[in-house]
């Protein structure tokens, strides 16, 4: 897949219509909206990654939220999961501000990019395995483009972990066999035939289910982000 640099890749992702179920769902949500957002013009398309094209740290989620990224057009923006993630990133010095409400709110990520293995909002937040696999070449290409600077990755949740491992292999890193299982705090080093290896960190997803129940606390999230940032050579506070 020859897609040029990251800006071109992001444009191509935003125009993808490969998965009929996801296309129907994201567009239906954009038409019907949520009552609190009736004045919004929803994005209603695939949501590309967000952050600099020379990032040394990548954060991999699951998929855009129906009324978050699918509404605003930016990863983890406009929903409670994003509120938790960007607050923690700001607290450790990886984001310019603690909130993310719209794509033009001025938020900048500092040495970090955020992406997901599935770029369309799925019904019930559950992409099918076929949809995950159809979307994988986009993540592989994103990883290939980031490879010169990328040194560490935080993967949020088991779905993202399972979806990302084949993408790392496709982008040139060696994934251990058997494949390492997901766990919060899991650390794995992926070697590469050429160039530096990649430090991989597992973290519970910033879903409301996890944050409301305390399965993932802000302190736990900050700890993973700081550790990963240090592995990526990024300063923290």
Protein backbone atom coordinates (compact mmCIF):
# COMPACT_ATOMS: atom_id res chain seq x y z
CA UNK A 1 0.00 0.00 0.00
CA UNK A 2 1.85 3.08 -1.26
CA UNK A 3 0.22 5.95 0.57
CA UNK A 4 3.00 8.52 0.78
CA UNK A 5 3.64 10.23 4.12
CA UNK A 6 1.40 10.39 7.17
CA UNK A 7 -0.71 13.38 6.01
CA UNK A 8 -1.54 11.50 2.80
CA UNK A 9 -2.21 8.31 4.76
CA UNK A 10 -4.58 10.19 7.08
CA UNK A 11 -6.51 11.54 4.09
CA UNK A 12 -6.83 8.10 2.56
CA UNK A 13 -8.00 6.58 5.84
CA UNK A 14 -10.70 9.26 6.15
CA UNK A 15 -12.06 8.27 2.75
CA UNK A 16 -12.16 4.50 3.35
CA UNK A 17 -15.48 2.68 2.76
CA UNK A 18 -14.20 -0.91 2.91
CA UNK A 19 -16.51 -2.25 5.65
CA UNK A 20 -20.24 -1.88 4.77
CA UNK A 21 -21.50 -2.47 8.33
CA UNK A 22 -19.20 0.19 9.75
CA UNK A 23 -19.98 2.66 6.98
CA UNK A 24 -23.72 2.25 7.61
CA UNK A 25 -23.33 2.60 11.37
CA UNK A 26 -21.04 5.62 11.46
CA UNK A 27 -23.19 7.49 8.94
CA UNK A 28 -26.44 6.61 10.72
CA UNK A 29 -25.01 7.91 13.99
CA UNK A 30 -23.92 11.10 12.22
CA UNK A 31 -27.45 11.63 10.90
CA UNK A 32 -29.42 10.84 14.04
CA UNK A 33 -26.90 12.33 16.52
CA UNK A 34 -27.23 12.40 20.28
CA UNK A 35 -29.58 14.95 21.82
CA UNK A 36 -26.71 16.76 23.55
CA UNK A 37 -24.99 17.28 20.18
CA UNK A 38 -27.87 18.23 17.89
CA UNK A 39 -26.05 21.42 16.87
CA UNK A 40 -22.94 19.49 15.80
CA UNK A 41 -22.11 18.49 12.25
CA UNK A 42 -20.73 15.01 12.87
CA UNK A 43 -17.55 13.88 11.15
CA UNK A 44 -19.13 10.52 10.35
CA UNK A 45 -16.07 9.06 8.60
CA UNK A 46 -13.04 6.96 9.55
CA UNK A 47 -10.90 8.78 12.12
CA UNK A 48 -7.17 8.92 11.29
CA UNK A 49 -4.36 8.97 13.81
CA UNK A 50 -3.50 12.15 15.68
CA UNK A 51 -0.08 13.51 16.58
CA UNK A 52 3.28 14.40 15.04
CA UNK A 53 4.75 12.36 12.21
CA UNK A 54 8.06 12.02 14.07
CA UNK A 55 6.55 10.62 17.27
CA UNK A 56 8.74 8.35 19.38
CA UNK A 57 5.77 7.04 21.40
CA UNK A 58 2.54 5.62 19.97
CA UNK A 59 -0.69 4.97 21.88
CA UNK A 60 -2.97 2.38 20.31
CA UNK A 61 -6.64 2.23 21.33
CA UNK A 62 -9.58 0.22 19.99
CA UNK A 63 -11.83 2.28 17.68
CA UNK A 64 -13.46 5.73 17.67
CA UNK A 65 -16.48 6.30 19.91
CA UNK A 66 -19.80 6.89 18.13
CA UNK A 67 -20.30 10.30 19.72
CA UNK A 68 -16.61 11.03 20.37
CA UNK A 69 -14.16 10.61 17.51
CA UNK A 70 -16.98 9.85 15.06
CA UNK A 71 -18.45 13.25 15.98
CA UNK A 72 -15.30 15.36 16.26
CA UNK A 73 -13.04 13.68 13.69
CA UNK A 74 -10.13 13.27 16.11
CA UNK A 75 -9.00 10.29 18.16
CA UNK A 76 -10.30 10.16 21.75
CA UNK A 77 -11.80 13.64 21.41
CA UNK A 78 -15.20 14.54 22.84
CA UNK A 79 -15.85 11.51 25.04
CA UNK A 80 -15.11 10.43 28.59
CA UNK A 81 -12.42 7.95 27.63
CA UNK A 82 -10.55 10.78 25.94
CA UNK A 83 -11.06 12.99 28.99
CA UNK A 84 -9.20 10.42 31.08
CA UNK A 85 -6.46 9.75 28.52
CA UNK A 86 -5.58 13.35 27.66
CA UNK A 87 -5.74 14.46 31.28
CA UNK A 88 -3.17 11.81 32.15
CA UNK A 89 -1.04 12.70 29.14
CA UNK A 90 -1.09 16.35 30.18
CA UNK A 91 -0.23 15.44 33.77
CA UNK A 92 2.94 13.63 32.67
CA UNK A 93 3.93 16.25 30.06
CA UNK A 94 2.86 14.54 26.84
CA UNK A 95 0.02 16.90 25.87
CA UNK A 96 -0.23 20.69 25.72
CA UNK A 97 -3.57 20.84 27.56
CA UNK A 98 -5.68 18.52 29.72
CA UNK A 99 -8.88 18.58 27.64
CA UNK A 100 -9.91 17.47 24.16
CA UNK A 101 -13.30 18.74 23.02
CA UNK A 102 -12.96 19.40 19.28
CA UNK A 103 -10.47 19.02 16.46
CA UNK A 104 -9.73 22.76 16.53
CA UNK A 105 -9.29 23.20 20.29
CA UNK A 106 -5.52 23.74 20.04
CA UNK A 107 -4.46 20.45 21.64
CA UNK A 108 -0.96 19.34 20.64
CA UNK A 109 0.71 16.06 21.51
CA UNK A 110 4.37 16.21 22.45
CA UNK A 111 6.36 13.42 20.83
CA UNK A 112 3.31 11.14 20.92
CA UNK A 113 0.82 9.93 18.34
CA UNK A 114 -2.53 8.29 19.06
CA UNK A 115 -4.14 5.77 16.71
CA UNK A 116 -6.33 2.67 16.67
CA UNK A 117 -6.46 -0.66 14.84
CA UNK A 118 -10.03 0.09 13.66
CA UNK A 119 -10.71 3.60 12.34
CA UNK A 120 -14.53 3.55 12.20
CA UNK A 121 -16.91 3.66 15.15
CA UNK A 122 -18.39 0.14 15.47
CA UNK A 123 -21.83 -0.82 16.84
CA UNK A 124 -21.60 -1.59 20.58
CA UNK A 125 -17.89 -0.71 20.40
CA UNK A 126 -17.24 -4.18 18.97
CA UNK A 127 -15.60 -4.51 15.55
CA UNK A 128 -15.75 -7.96 14.00
CA UNK A 129 -12.54 -9.91 13.39
CA UNK A 130 -13.03 -9.38 9.65
CA UNK A 131 -13.32 -5.60 10.15
CA UNK A 132 -10.21 -5.60 12.32
CA UNK A 133 -8.28 -7.50 9.66
CA UNK A 134 -9.56 -5.30 6.83
CA UNK A 135 -8.34 -2.20 8.69
CA UNK A 136 -4.93 -3.65 9.57
CA UNK A 137 -3.02 -2.45 6.47
CA UNK A 138 -3.63 1.15 7.55
CA UNK A 139 -1.96 0.50 10.91
CA UNK A 140 0.89 -1.39 9.25
CA UNK A 141 1.57 1.56 6.96
CA UNK A 142 1.34 4.03 9.86
CA UNK A 143 3.91 1.99 11.77
CA UNK A 144 6.18 1.83 8.73
CA UNK A 145 6.07 5.60 8.39
CA UNK A 146 6.76 6.11 12.10
CA UNK A 147 9.53 3.53 12.24
CA UNK A 148 12.49 5.93 11.94
CA UNK A 149 11.55 7.62 15.23
CA UNK A 150 9.21 5.18 17.01
CA UNK A 151 10.71 3.59 20.13
CA UNK A 152 7.77 2.62 22.38
CA UNK A 153 4.07 1.79 22.15
CA UNK A 154 1.30 1.74 24.77
CA UNK A 155 -1.57 -0.54 23.78
CA UNK A 156 -4.89 0.07 25.53
CA UNK A 157 -6.85 -3.12 26.14
CA UNK A 158 -6.80 -6.73 24.99
CA UNK A 159 -8.53 -6.11 21.65
CA UNK A 160 -5.98 -3.48 20.66
CA UNK A 161 -3.16 -5.76 21.80
CA UNK A 162 -4.40 -8.70 19.72
CA UNK A 163 -4.99 -6.45 16.71
CA UNK A 164 -1.67 -4.63 16.95
CA UNK A 165 0.72 -7.58 17.26
CA UNK A 166 0.25 -8.73 13.65
CA UNK A 167 0.63 -5.11 12.52
CA UNK A 168 3.98 -4.82 14.31
CA UNK A 169 5.10 -7.98 12.53
CA UNK A 170 3.87 -6.60 9.22
CA UNK A 171 5.84 -3.39 9.76
CA UNK A 172 9.12 -5.23 10.33
CA UNK A 173 9.40 -5.99 14.05
CA UNK A 174 9.73 -9.54 15.36
CA UNK A 175 6.85 -10.63 17.59
CA UNK A 176 7.79 -13.45 20.02
CA UNK A 177 6.26 -16.91 19.61
CA UNK A 178 3.98 -17.77 21.24
CA UNK A 179 2.54 -14.28 21.04
CA UNK A 180 2.67 -12.54 24.43
CA UNK A 181 -0.71 -12.30 26.15
CA UNK A 182 -2.17 -8.95 27.15
CA UNK A 183 -2.00 -7.79 30.76
CA UNK A 184 -1.94 -4.40 32.41
CA UNK A 185 1.68 -3.51 33.00
CA UNK A 186 2.90 -6.11 30.51
CA UNK A 187 6.23 -5.20 28.92
CA UNK A 188 7.57 -6.81 25.76
CA UNK A 189 10.53 -5.91 23.58
CA UNK A 190 10.11 -6.43 19.85
CA UNK A 191 13.40 -6.85 18.03
CA UNK A 192 13.96 -5.76 14.44
CA UNK A 193 16.20 -7.16 11.72
CA UNK A 194 17.20 -3.60 10.89
CA UNK A 195 17.16 -0.59 13.17
CA UNK A 196 16.17 -0.29 16.83
CA UNK A 197 13.71 -2.52 18.61
CA UNK A 198 10.35 -1.46 20.01
CA UNK A 199 9.27 -1.44 23.66
CA UNK A 200 5.64 -2.51 24.02
CA UNK A 201 3.54 -1.72 27.12
CA UNK A 202 0.09 -3.08 27.96
CA UNK A 203 -2.47 -0.90 29.75
CA UNK A 204 -6.12 -1.42 30.59
CA UNK A 205 -8.31 0.55 28.18
CA UNK A 206 -9.55 3.97 29.30
CA UNK A 207 -13.16 2.85 28.87
CA UNK A 208 -15.83 4.07 31.26
CA UNK A 209 -16.26 0.51 32.49
CA UNK A 210 -12.62 0.43 33.61
CA UNK A 211 -12.29 3.99 34.91
CA UNK A 212 -15.65 4.15 36.71
CA UNK A 213 -15.01 0.88 38.54
CA UNK A 214 -11.43 1.72 39.47
CA UNK A 215 -9.96 -1.11 37.46
CA UNK A 216 -7.87 1.60 35.83
CA UNK A 217 -7.10 4.61 38.01
CA UNK A 218 -5.50 7.87 36.83
CA UNK A 219 -2.39 6.96 38.81
CA UNK A 220 -2.12 3.58 37.07
CA UNK A 221 -2.47 5.24 33.68
CA UNK A 222 0.10 7.92 34.49
CA UNK A 223 2.56 5.26 35.63
CA UNK A 224 2.33 3.37 32.32
CA UNK A 225 2.62 6.59 30.31
CA UNK A 226 5.67 7.75 32.25
CA UNK A 227 7.40 4.39 31.88
CA UNK A 228 6.68 4.25 28.16
CA UNK A 229 7.73 7.86 27.65
CA UNK A 230 11.03 7.15 29.38
CA UNK A 231 11.58 4.15 27.08
CA UNK A 232 10.83 6.44 24.13
CA UNK A 233 13.31 9.06 25.32
CA UNK A 234 10.65 11.67 26.06
CA UNK A 235 10.82 14.01 29.06
CA UNK A 236 8.04 13.77 31.64
CA UNK A 237 7.00 15.62 34.76
